[in-house]
PDB file of N, CA and C in Angstrom:
ATOM      1  N   MET A   1       0.851  -1.177   0.000  1.00  0.00           N
ATOM      2  CA  MET A   1       0.000   0.000   0.000  1.00  0.00           C
ATOM      3  C   MET A   1       0.897   1.240   0.000  1.00  0.00           C
ATOM      4  N   ILE A   2       0.552   2.184  -0.867  1.00  0.00           N
ATOM      5  CA  ILE A   2       1.295   3.439  -0.917  1.00  0.00           C
ATOM      6  C   ILE A   2       0.760   4.369   0.168  1.00  0.00           C
ATOM      7  N   VAL A   3       1.662   4.918   0.961  1.00  0.00           N
ATOM      8  CA  VAL A   3       1.307   5.883   2.011  1.00  0.00           C
ATOM      9  C   VAL A   3       2.178   7.107   1.784  1.00  0.00           C
ATOM     10  N   THR A   4       1.537   8.266   1.606  1.00  0.00           N
ATOM     11  CA  THR A   4       2.297   9.468   1.282  1.00  0.00           C
ATOM     12  C   THR A   4       1.701  10.711   1.948  1.00  0.00           C
ATOM     13  N   THR A   5       2.552  11.658   2.222  1.00  0.00           N
ATOM     14  CA  THR A   5       2.089  12.925   2.804  1.00  0.00           C
ATOM     15  C   THR A   5       1.546  13.865   1.736  1.00  0.00           C
ATOM     16  N   THR A   6       1.790  13.552   0.477  1.00  0.00           N
ATOM     17  CA  THR A   6       1.315  14.402  -0.609  1.00  0.00           C
ATOM     18  C   THR A   6      -0.163  14.125  -0.905  1.00  0.00           C
ATOM     19  N   PRO A   7      -0.864  15.067  -1.540  1.00  0.00           N
ATOM     20  CA  PRO A   7      -2.292  14.883  -1.816  1.00  0.00           C
ATOM     21  C   PRO A   7      -2.581  13.984  -3.010  1.00  0.00           C
ATOM     22  N   SER A   8      -1.537  13.550  -3.712  1.00  0.00           N
ATOM     23  CA  SER A   8      -1.712  12.674  -4.867  1.00  0.00           C
ATOM     24  C   SER A   8      -0.482  11.787  -4.995  1.00  0.00           C
ATOM     25  N   VAL A   9      -0.574  10.807  -5.907  1.00  0.00           N
ATOM     26  CA  VAL A   9       0.559   9.918  -6.167  1.00  0.00           C
ATOM     27  C   VAL A   9       0.972  10.150  -7.615  1.00  0.00           C
ATOM     28  N   GLU A  10       2.178  10.638  -7.790  1.00  0.00           N
ATOM     29  CA  GLU A  10       2.658  10.964  -9.137  1.00  0.00           C
ATOM     30  C   GLU A  10       2.574   9.744 -10.043  1.00  0.00           C
ATOM     31  N   GLY A  11       2.004   9.938 -11.232  1.00  0.00           N
ATOM     32  CA  GLY A  11       1.883   8.855 -12.200  1.00  0.00           C
ATOM     33  C   GLY A  11       0.650   7.998 -12.015  1.00  0.00           C
ATOM     34  N   SER A  12      -0.137   8.268 -10.995  1.00  0.00           N
ATOM     35  CA  SER A  12      -1.362   7.511 -10.736  1.00  0.00           C
ATOM     36  C   SER A  12      -2.535   8.462 -10.590  1.00  0.00           C
ATOM     37  N   GLN A  13      -3.699   7.970 -10.968  1.00  0.00           N
ATOM     38  CA  GLN A  13      -4.909   8.771 -10.833  1.00  0.00           C
ATOM     39  C   GLN A  13      -5.759   8.192  -9.707  1.00  0.00           C
ATOM     40  N   ILE A  14      -6.296   9.069  -8.869  1.00  0.00           N
ATOM     41  CA  ILE A  14      -7.204   8.629  -7.813  1.00  0.00           C
ATOM     42  C   ILE A  14      -8.570   8.405  -8.455  1.00  0.00           C
ATOM     43  N   THR A  15      -9.063   7.174  -8.339  1.00  0.00           N
ATOM     44  CA  THR A  15     -10.357   6.839  -8.951  1.00  0.00           C
ATOM     45  C   THR A  15     -11.496   6.798  -7.942  1.00  0.00           C
ATOM     46  N   ASP A  16     -11.165   6.687  -6.653  1.00  0.00           N
ATOM     47  CA  ASP A  16     -12.219   6.627  -5.637  1.00  0.00           C
ATOM     48  C   ASP A  16     -11.666   7.087  -4.292  1.00  0.00           C
ATOM     49  N   TYR A  17     -12.483   7.854  -3.583  1.00  0.00           N
ATOM     50  CA  TYR A  17     -12.147   8.304  -2.226  1.00  0.00           C
ATOM     51  C   TYR A  17     -12.995   7.506  -1.241  1.00  0.00           C
ATOM     52  N   HIS A  18     -12.351   6.923  -0.232  1.00  0.00           N
ATOM     53  CA  HIS A  18     -13.059   6.099   0.749  1.00  0.00           C
ATOM     54  C   HIS A  18     -13.296   6.817   2.072  1.00  0.00           C
ATOM     55  N   GLY A  19     -12.574   7.888   2.312  1.00  0.00           N
ATOM     56  CA  GLY A  19     -12.746   8.643   3.552  1.00  0.00           C
ATOM     57  C   GLY A  19     -11.474   8.717   4.374  1.00  0.00           C
ATOM     58  N   ILE A  20     -11.598   9.365   5.491  1.00  0.00           N
ATOM     59  CA  ILE A  20     -10.465   9.576   6.401  1.00  0.00           C
ATOM     60  C   ILE A  20     -10.205   8.304   7.203  1.00  0.00           C
ATOM     61  N   VAL A  21      -8.936   7.968   7.349  1.00  0.00           N
ATOM     62  CA  VAL A  21      -8.528   6.844   8.180  1.00  0.00           C
ATOM     63  C   VAL A  21      -7.524   7.336   9.215  1.00  0.00           C
ATOM     64  N   VAL A  22      -7.568   6.721  10.389  1.00  0.00           N
ATOM     65  CA  VAL A  22      -6.716   7.134  11.501  1.00  0.00           C
ATOM     66  C   VAL A  22      -6.144   5.893  12.189  1.00  0.00           C
ATOM     67  N   GLY A  23      -4.940   6.016  12.672  1.00  0.00           N
ATOM     68  CA  GLY A  23      -4.324   4.987  13.501  1.00  0.00           C
ATOM     69  C   GLY A  23      -3.680   5.673  14.689  1.00  0.00           C
ATOM     70  N   GLU A  24      -3.783   5.050  15.871  1.00  0.00           N
ATOM     71  CA  GLU A  24      -3.203   5.635  17.080  1.00  0.00           C
ATOM     72  C   GLU A  24      -2.370   4.614  17.840  1.00  0.00           C
ATOM     73  N   ALA A  25      -1.410   5.137  18.565  1.00  0.00           N
ATOM     74  CA  ALA A  25      -0.620   4.337  19.498  1.00  0.00           C
ATOM     75  C   ALA A  25      -0.359   5.209  20.719  1.00  0.00           C
ATOM     76  N   ILE A  26      -0.505   4.622  21.905  1.00  0.00           N
ATOM     77  CA  ILE A  26      -0.306   5.383  23.145  1.00  0.00           C
ATOM     78  C   ILE A  26       0.786   4.730  23.975  1.00  0.00           C
ATOM     79  N   LEU A  27       1.751   5.552  24.377  1.00  0.00           N
ATOM     80  CA  LEU A  27       2.797   5.114  25.291  1.00  0.00           C
ATOM     81  C   LEU A  27       2.381   5.550  26.685  1.00  0.00           C
ATOM     82  N   GLY A  28       2.265   4.610  27.605  1.00  0.00           N
ATOM     83  CA  GLY A  28       1.802   4.921  28.951  1.00  0.00           C
ATOM     84  C   GLY A  28       2.875   5.520  29.830  1.00  0.00           C
ATOM     85  N   ALA A  29       2.473   5.902  31.028  1.00  0.00           N
ATOM     86  CA  ALA A  29       3.372   6.545  31.988  1.00  0.00           C
ATOM     87  C   ALA A  29       4.548   5.642  32.349  1.00  0.00           C
ATOM     88  N   ASN A  30       4.350   4.331  32.371  1.00  0.00           N
ATOM     89  CA  ASN A  30       5.439   3.412  32.713  1.00  0.00           C
ATOM     90  C   ASN A  30       6.573   3.491  31.707  1.00  0.00           C
ATOM     91  N   VAL A  31       6.235   3.741  30.455  1.00  0.00           N
ATOM     92  CA  VAL A  31       7.273   3.861  29.431  1.00  0.00           C
ATOM     93  C   VAL A  31       8.182   5.031  29.757  1.00  0.00           C
ATOM     94  N   PHE A  32       7.597   6.178  30.125  1.00  0.00           N
ATOM     95  CA  PHE A  32       8.407   7.349  30.473  1.00  0.00           C
ATOM     96  C   PHE A  32       9.280   7.063  31.690  1.00  0.00           C
ATOM     97  N   ARG A  33       8.706   6.440  32.737  1.00  0.00           N
ATOM     98  CA  ARG A  33       9.466   6.145  33.950  1.00  0.00           C
ATOM     99  C   ARG A  33      10.630   5.217  33.627  1.00  0.00           C
ATOM    100  N   ASP A  34      10.359   4.162  32.858  1.00  0.00           N
ATOM    101  CA  ASP A  34      11.409   3.206  32.510  1.00  0.00           C
ATOM    102  C   ASP A  34      12.487   3.849  31.653  1.00  0.00           C
ATOM    103  N   LEU A  35      12.068   4.681  30.717  1.00  0.00           N
ATOM    104  CA  LEU A  35      13.043   5.319  29.844  1.00  0.00           C
ATOM    105  C   LEU A  35      13.929   6.281  30.604  1.00  0.00           C
ATOM    106  N   PHE A  36      13.334   7.086  31.474  1.00  0.00           N
ATOM    107  CA  PHE A  36      14.130   8.066  32.198  1.00  0.00           C
ATOM    108  C   PHE A  36      14.957   7.419  33.305  1.00  0.00           C
ATOM    109  N   ALA A  37      14.550   6.233  33.776  1.00  0.00           N
ATOM    110  CA  ALA A  37      15.357   5.508  34.755  1.00  0.00           C
ATOM    111  C   ALA A  37      16.653   5.033  34.107  1.00  0.00           C
ATOM    112  N   GLY A  38      16.588   4.710  32.820  1.00  0.00           N
ATOM    113  CA  GLY A  38      17.765   4.247  32.102  1.00  0.00           C
ATOM    114  C   GLY A  38      18.309   5.301  31.159  1.00  0.00           C
ATOM    115  N   ILE A  39      18.326   6.518  31.603  1.00  0.00           N
ATOM    116  CA  ILE A  39      18.675   7.648  30.728  1.00  0.00           C
ATOM    117  C   ILE A  39      20.173   7.718  30.444  1.00  0.00           C
ATOM    118  N   THR A  40      20.904   6.711  30.902  1.00  0.00           N
ATOM    119  CA  THR A  40      22.349   6.724  30.715  1.00  0.00           C
ATOM    120  C   THR A  40      22.760   6.647  29.252  1.00  0.00           C
ATOM    121  N   ASP A  41      21.816   6.322  28.355  1.00  0.00           N
ATOM    122  CA  ASP A  41      22.188   6.235  26.945  1.00  0.00           C
ATOM    123  C   ASP A  41      22.110   7.581  26.228  1.00  0.00           C
ATOM    124  N   ILE A  42      21.899   8.662  26.980  1.00  0.00           N
ATOM    125  CA  ILE A  42      21.827   9.986  26.346  1.00  0.00           C
ATOM    126  C   ILE A  42      23.228  10.442  25.966  1.00  0.00           C
ATOM    127  N   ILE A  43      23.372  10.743  24.678  1.00  0.00           N
ATOM    128  CA  ILE A  43      24.647  11.261  24.157  1.00  0.00           C
ATOM    129  C   ILE A  43      24.303  12.467  23.309  1.00  0.00           C
ATOM    130  N   GLY A  44      24.866  13.580  23.650  1.00  0.00           N
ATOM    131  CA  GLY A  44      24.607  14.780  22.871  1.00  0.00           C
ATOM    132  C   GLY A  44      23.160  15.241  22.969  1.00  0.00           C
ATOM    133  N   GLY A  45      22.508  14.972  24.112  1.00  0.00           N
ATOM    134  CA  GLY A  45      21.148  15.434  24.314  1.00  0.00           C
ATOM    135  C   GLY A  45      20.085  14.543  23.709  1.00  0.00           C
ATOM    136  N   ARG A  46      20.444  13.344  23.243  1.00  0.00           N
ATOM    137  CA  ARG A  46      19.477  12.435  22.626  1.00  0.00           C
ATOM    138  C   ARG A  46      19.410  11.136  23.413  1.00  0.00           C
ATOM    139  N   SER A  47      18.206  10.574  23.501  1.00  0.00           N
ATOM    140  CA  SER A  47      18.013   9.299  24.168  1.00  0.00           C
ATOM    141  C   SER A  47      17.634   8.253  23.132  1.00  0.00           C
ATOM    142  N   GLY A  48      18.534   7.323  22.894  1.00  0.00           N
ATOM    143  CA  GLY A  48      18.286   6.267  21.914  1.00  0.00           C
ATOM    144  C   GLY A  48      17.086   5.413  22.280  1.00  0.00           C
ATOM    145  N   ALA A  49      16.927   5.097  23.577  1.00  0.00           N
ATOM    146  CA  ALA A  49      15.802   4.273  24.013  1.00  0.00           C
ATOM    147  C   ALA A  49      14.486   5.004  23.780  1.00  0.00           C
ATOM    148  N   TYR A  50      14.438   6.293  24.081  1.00  0.00           N
ATOM    149  CA  TYR A  50      13.227   7.092  23.899  1.00  0.00           C
ATOM    150  C   TYR A  50      12.878   7.190  22.419  1.00  0.00           C
ATOM    151  N   GLU A  51      13.890   7.437  21.587  1.00  0.00           N
ATOM    152  CA  GLU A  51      13.659   7.522  20.148  1.00  0.00           C
ATOM    153  C   GLU A  51      13.171   6.193  19.593  1.00  0.00           C
ATOM    154  N   GLN A  52      13.700   5.092  20.130  1.00  0.00           N
ATOM    155  CA  GLN A  52      13.270   3.764  19.682  1.00  0.00           C
ATOM    156  C   GLN A  52      11.797   3.532  20.024  1.00  0.00           C
ATOM    157  N   GLU A  53      11.372   3.916  21.215  1.00  0.00           N
ATOM    158  CA  GLU A  53       9.966   3.755  21.608  1.00  0.00           C
ATOM    159  C   GLU A  53       9.048   4.627  20.755  1.00  0.00           C
ATOM    160  N   LEU A  54       9.476   5.857  20.480  1.00  0.00           N
ATOM    161  CA  LEU A  54       8.690   6.731  19.610  1.00  0.00           C
ATOM    162  C   LEU A  54       8.572   6.136  18.210  1.00  0.00           C
ATOM    163  N   GLY A  55       9.652   5.561  17.732  1.00  0.00           N
ATOM    164  CA  GLY A  55       9.642   4.919  16.421  1.00  0.00           C
ATOM    165  C   GLY A  55       8.666   3.764  16.364  1.00  0.00           C
ATOM    166  N   LYS A  56       8.644   2.950  17.422  1.00  0.00           N
ATOM    167  CA  LYS A  56       7.703   1.831  17.490  1.00  0.00           C
ATOM    168  C   LYS A  56       6.265   2.335  17.490  1.00  0.00           C
ATOM    169  N   ALA A  57       6.007   3.380  18.267  1.00  0.00           N
ATOM    170  CA  ALA A  57       4.651   3.940  18.343  1.00  0.00           C
ATOM    171  C   ALA A  57       4.227   4.488  16.984  1.00  0.00           C
ATOM    172  N   ARG A  58       5.136   5.141  16.287  1.00  0.00           N
ATOM    173  CA  ARG A  58       4.830   5.668  14.955  1.00  0.00           C
ATOM    174  C   ARG A  58       4.508   4.533  13.989  1.00  0.00           C
ATOM    175  N   GLU A  59       5.288   3.458  14.034  1.00  0.00           N
ATOM    176  CA  GLU A  59       5.045   2.303  13.167  1.00  0.00           C
ATOM    177  C   GLU A  59       3.690   1.672  13.446  1.00  0.00           C
ATOM    178  N   VAL A  60       3.321   1.559  14.722  1.00  0.00           N
ATOM    179  CA  VAL A  60       2.019   0.993  15.088  1.00  0.00           C
ATOM    180  C   VAL A  60       0.891   1.866  14.561  1.00  0.00           C
ATOM    181  N   ALA A  61       1.009   3.182  14.739  1.00  0.00           N
ATOM    182  CA  ALA A  61      -0.035   4.106  14.271  1.00  0.00           C
ATOM    183  C   ALA A  61      -0.191   4.030  12.752  1.00  0.00           C
ATOM    184  N   LEU A  62       0.913   4.013  12.025  1.00  0.00           N
ATOM    185  CA  LEU A  62       0.848   3.926  10.567  1.00  0.00           C
ATOM    186  C   LEU A  62       0.282   2.586  10.106  1.00  0.00           C
ATOM    187  N   SER A  63       0.687   1.516  10.763  1.00  0.00           N
ATOM    188  CA  SER A  63       0.197   0.184  10.403  1.00  0.00           C
ATOM    189  C   SER A  63      -1.305   0.070  10.636  1.00  0.00           C
ATOM    190  N   GLU A  64      -1.763   0.603  11.763  1.00  0.00           N
ATOM    191  CA  GLU A  64      -3.197   0.586  12.075  1.00  0.00           C
ATOM    192  C   GLU A  64      -3.984   1.393  11.041  1.00  0.00           C
ATOM    193  N   MET A  65      -3.445   2.542  10.642  1.00  0.00           N
ATOM    194  CA  MET A  65      -4.091   3.365   9.629  1.00  0.00           C
ATOM    195  C   MET A  65      -4.183   2.606   8.302  1.00  0.00           C
ATOM    196  N   GLU A  66      -3.089   1.952   7.909  1.00  0.00           N
ATOM    197  CA  GLU A  66      -3.080   1.179   6.670  1.00  0.00           C
ATOM    198  C   GLU A  66      -4.097   0.041   6.718  1.00  0.00           C
ATOM    199  N   ASP A  67      -4.181  -0.651   7.837  1.00  0.00           N
ATOM    200  CA  ASP A  67      -5.140  -1.754   7.987  1.00  0.00           C
ATOM    201  C   ASP A  67      -6.572  -1.261   7.810  1.00  0.00           C
ATOM    202  N   ARG A  68      -6.871  -0.110   8.382  1.00  0.00           N
ATOM    203  CA  ARG A  68      -8.215   0.451   8.252  1.00  0.00           C
ATOM    204  C   ARG A  68      -8.500   0.860   6.809  1.00  0.00           C
ATOM    205  N   ALA A  69      -7.501   1.397   6.131  1.00  0.00           N
ATOM    206  CA  ALA A  69      -7.672   1.779   4.727  1.00  0.00           C
ATOM    207  C   ALA A  69      -7.905   0.532   3.868  1.00  0.00           C
ATOM    208  N   ARG A  70      -7.134  -0.498   4.118  1.00  0.00           N
ATOM    209  CA  ARG A  70      -7.266  -1.753   3.377  1.00  0.00           C
ATOM    210  C   ARG A  70      -8.661  -2.349   3.573  1.00  0.00           C
ATOM    211  N   ALA A  71      -9.177  -2.269   4.787  1.00  0.00           N
ATOM    212  CA  ALA A  71     -10.513  -2.790   5.090  1.00  0.00           C
ATOM    213  C   ALA A  71     -11.600  -2.031   4.334  1.00  0.00           C
ATOM    214  N   MET A  72     -11.321  -0.796   3.952  1.00  0.00           N
ATOM    215  CA  MET A  72     -12.274   0.014   3.186  1.00  0.00           C
ATOM    216  C   MET A  72     -12.147  -0.229   1.679  1.00  0.00           C
ATOM    217  N   GLY A  73     -11.166  -1.035   1.280  1.00  0.00           N
ATOM    218  CA  GLY A  73     -10.949  -1.310  -0.131  1.00  0.00           C
ATOM    219  C   GLY A  73      -9.968  -0.369  -0.797  1.00  0.00           C
ATOM    220  N   ALA A  74      -9.247   0.414  -0.019  1.00  0.00           N
ATOM    221  CA  ALA A  74      -8.301   1.390  -0.570  1.00  0.00           C
ATOM    222  C   ALA A  74      -7.000   0.716  -0.985  1.00  0.00           C
ATOM    223  N   THR A  75      -6.311   1.361  -1.910  1.00  0.00           N
ATOM    224  CA  THR A  75      -4.993   0.888  -2.338  1.00  0.00           C
ATOM    225  C   THR A  75      -3.882   1.858  -1.946  1.00  0.00           C
ATOM    226  N   ALA A  76      -4.265   3.007  -1.376  1.00  0.00           N
ATOM    227  CA  ALA A  76      -3.278   4.001  -0.956  1.00  0.00           C
ATOM    228  C   ALA A  76      -3.897   4.920   0.096  1.00  0.00           C
ATOM    229  N   VAL A  77      -3.029   5.610   0.823  1.00  0.00           N
ATOM    230  CA  VAL A  77      -3.469   6.642   1.758  1.00  0.00           C
ATOM    231  C   VAL A  77      -2.665   7.897   1.421  1.00  0.00           C
ATOM    232  N   VAL A  78      -3.376   8.986   1.120  1.00  0.00           N
ATOM    233  CA  VAL A  78      -2.715  10.236   0.743  1.00  0.00           C
ATOM    234  C   VAL A  78      -2.956  11.296   1.815  1.00  0.00           C
ATOM    235  N   GLY A  79      -2.129  12.341   1.781  1.00  0.00           N
ATOM    236  CA  GLY A  79      -2.285  13.442   2.724  1.00  0.00           C
ATOM    237  C   GLY A  79      -2.040  13.036   4.161  1.00  0.00           C
ATOM    238  N   VAL A  80      -1.120  12.112   4.377  1.00  0.00           N
ATOM    239  CA  VAL A  80      -0.875  11.579   5.730  1.00  0.00           C
ATOM    240  C   VAL A  80      -0.223  12.639   6.617  1.00  0.00           C
ATOM    241  N   ASP A  81      -0.720  12.701   7.852  1.00  0.00           N
ATOM    242  CA  ASP A  81      -0.200  13.624   8.857  1.00  0.00           C
ATOM    243  C   ASP A  81       0.081  12.834  10.126  1.00  0.00           C
ATOM    244  N   LEU A  82       1.226  13.071  10.743  1.00  0.00           N
ATOM    245  CA  LEU A  82       1.576  12.446  12.019  1.00  0.00           C
ATOM    246  C   LEU A  82       1.507  13.496  13.109  1.00  0.00           C
ATOM    247  N   ASP A  83       0.852  13.160  14.209  1.00  0.00           N
ATOM    248  CA  ASP A  83       0.739  14.070  15.345  1.00  0.00           C
ATOM    249  C   ASP A  83       1.209  13.378  16.612  1.00  0.00           C
ATOM    250  N   TYR A  84       1.828  14.155  17.483  1.00  0.00           N
ATOM    251  CA  TYR A  84       2.297  13.669  18.784  1.00  0.00           C
ATOM    252  C   TYR A  84       1.657  14.545  19.847  1.00  0.00           C
ATOM    253  N   GLU A  85       0.983  13.927  20.812  1.00  0.00           N
ATOM    254  CA  GLU A  85       0.309  14.670  21.882  1.00  0.00           C
ATOM    255  C   GLU A  85       0.638  14.043  23.228  1.00  0.00           C
ATOM    256  N   VAL A  86       0.768  14.869  24.258  1.00  0.00           N
ATOM    257  CA  VAL A  86       0.938  14.383  25.620  1.00  0.00           C
ATOM    258  C   VAL A  86      -0.376  14.574  26.353  1.00  0.00           C
ATOM    259  N   ILE A  87      -0.904  13.470  26.889  1.00  0.00           N
ATOM    260  CA  ILE A  87      -2.178  13.498  27.608  1.00  0.00           C
ATOM    261  C   ILE A  87      -1.996  12.762  28.933  1.00  0.00           C
ATOM    262  N   ASN A  88      -2.091  13.476  30.052  1.00  0.00           N
ATOM    263  CA  ASN A  88      -1.976  12.860  31.380  1.00  0.00           C
ATOM    264  C   ASN A  88      -0.776  11.912  31.495  1.00  0.00           C
ATOM    265  N   ASN A  89       0.397  12.398  31.205  1.00  0.00           N
ATOM    266  CA  ASN A  89       1.640  11.627  31.299  1.00  0.00           C
ATOM    267  C   ASN A  89       1.719  10.472  30.314  1.00  0.00           C
ATOM    268  N   MET A  90       0.910  10.492  29.282  1.00  0.00           N
ATOM    269  CA  MET A  90       0.984   9.485  28.241  1.00  0.00           C
ATOM    270  C   MET A  90       1.254  10.195  26.914  1.00  0.00           C
ATOM    271  N   LEU A  91       1.972   9.537  26.051  1.00  0.00           N
ATOM    272  CA  LEU A  91       2.248  10.100  24.739  1.00  0.00           C
ATOM    273  C   LEU A  91       1.400   9.371  23.711  1.00  0.00           C
ATOM    274  N   MET A  92       0.646  10.134  22.919  1.00  0.00           N
ATOM    275  CA  MET A  92      -0.156   9.538  21.861  1.00  0.00           C
ATOM    276  C   MET A  92       0.435   9.934  20.516  1.00  0.00           C
ATOM    277  N   VAL A  93       0.619   8.948  19.661  1.00  0.00           N
ATOM    278  CA  VAL A  93       1.050   9.172  18.290  1.00  0.00           C
ATOM    279  C   VAL A  93      -0.134   8.809  17.411  1.00  0.00           C
ATOM    280  N   SER A  94      -0.556   9.736  16.558  1.00  0.00           N
ATOM    281  CA  SER A  94      -1.660   9.431  15.656  1.00  0.00           C
ATOM    282  C   SER A  94      -1.247   9.721  14.224  1.00  0.00           C
ATOM    283  N   ALA A  95      -1.731   8.870  13.327  1.00  0.00           N
ATOM    284  CA  ALA A  95      -1.499   9.023  11.897  1.00  0.00           C
ATOM    285  C   ALA A  95      -2.871   9.124  11.243  1.00  0.00           C
ATOM    286  N   SER A  96      -3.048  10.103  10.366  1.00  0.00           N
ATOM    287  CA  SER A  96      -4.329  10.236   9.678  1.00  0.00           C
ATOM    288  C   SER A  96      -4.075  10.586   8.219  1.00  0.00           C
ATOM    289  N   GLY A  97      -5.021  10.200   7.381  1.00  0.00           N
ATOM    290  CA  GLY A  97      -4.914  10.482   5.956  1.00  0.00           C
ATOM    291  C   GLY A  97      -6.207  10.126   5.271  1.00  0.00           C
ATOM    292  N   THR A  98      -6.228  10.222   3.959  1.00  0.00           N
ATOM    293  CA  THR A  98      -7.408   9.898   3.166  1.00  0.00           C
ATOM    294  C   THR A  98      -7.157   8.591   2.414  1.00  0.00           C
ATOM    295  N   ALA A  99      -8.049   7.625   2.644  1.00  0.00           N
ATOM    296  CA  ALA A  99      -7.963   6.334   1.956  1.00  0.00           C
ATOM    297  C   ALA A  99      -8.508   6.503   0.537  1.00  0.00           C
ATOM    298  N   VAL A 100      -7.735   6.059  -0.458  1.00  0.00           N
ATOM    299  CA  VAL A 100      -8.130   6.205  -1.860  1.00  0.00           C
ATOM    300  C   VAL A 100      -7.823   4.929  -2.642  1.00  0.00           C
ATOM    301  N   THR A 101      -8.453   4.829  -3.802  1.00  0.00           N
ATOM    302  CA  THR A 101      -8.119   3.780  -4.751  1.00  0.00           C
ATOM    303  C   THR A 101      -7.424   4.439  -5.927  1.00  0.00           C
ATOM    304  N   LEU A 102      -6.295   3.866  -6.313  1.00  0.00           N
ATOM    305  CA  LEU A 102      -5.550   4.387  -7.451  1.00  0.00           C
ATOM    306  C   LEU A 102      -5.884   3.573  -8.694  1.00  0.00           C
ATOM    307  N   GLY A 103      -5.992   4.278  -9.818  1.00  0.00           N
ATOM    308  CA  GLY A 103      -6.307   3.591 -11.080  1.00  0.00           C
ATOM    309  C   GLY A 103      -5.103   3.430 -11.951  1.00  0.00           C
TER     310      GLY A 103
END
């Protein structure tokens, strides 16, 4: 499945719009506590463990979004946006876009 932040896919025509699709992943408070307890991996102001967890959450959100698009009969998701929000000591990663069929 093609997933892109652009509103179209170069060389392909959108033949059908299926609607907005969203995928979310939430990292709980325990993740923050565990990550900051092992903060010894910070080099140059970066935490490899924290970045790895964020990467996993992003992958889950994108995968969930793709699954929902596929269930609608879509072959691509265009206009994808990634958002990161902190809610009550939890981090939410959400991916949203428009499910489409390419011709």
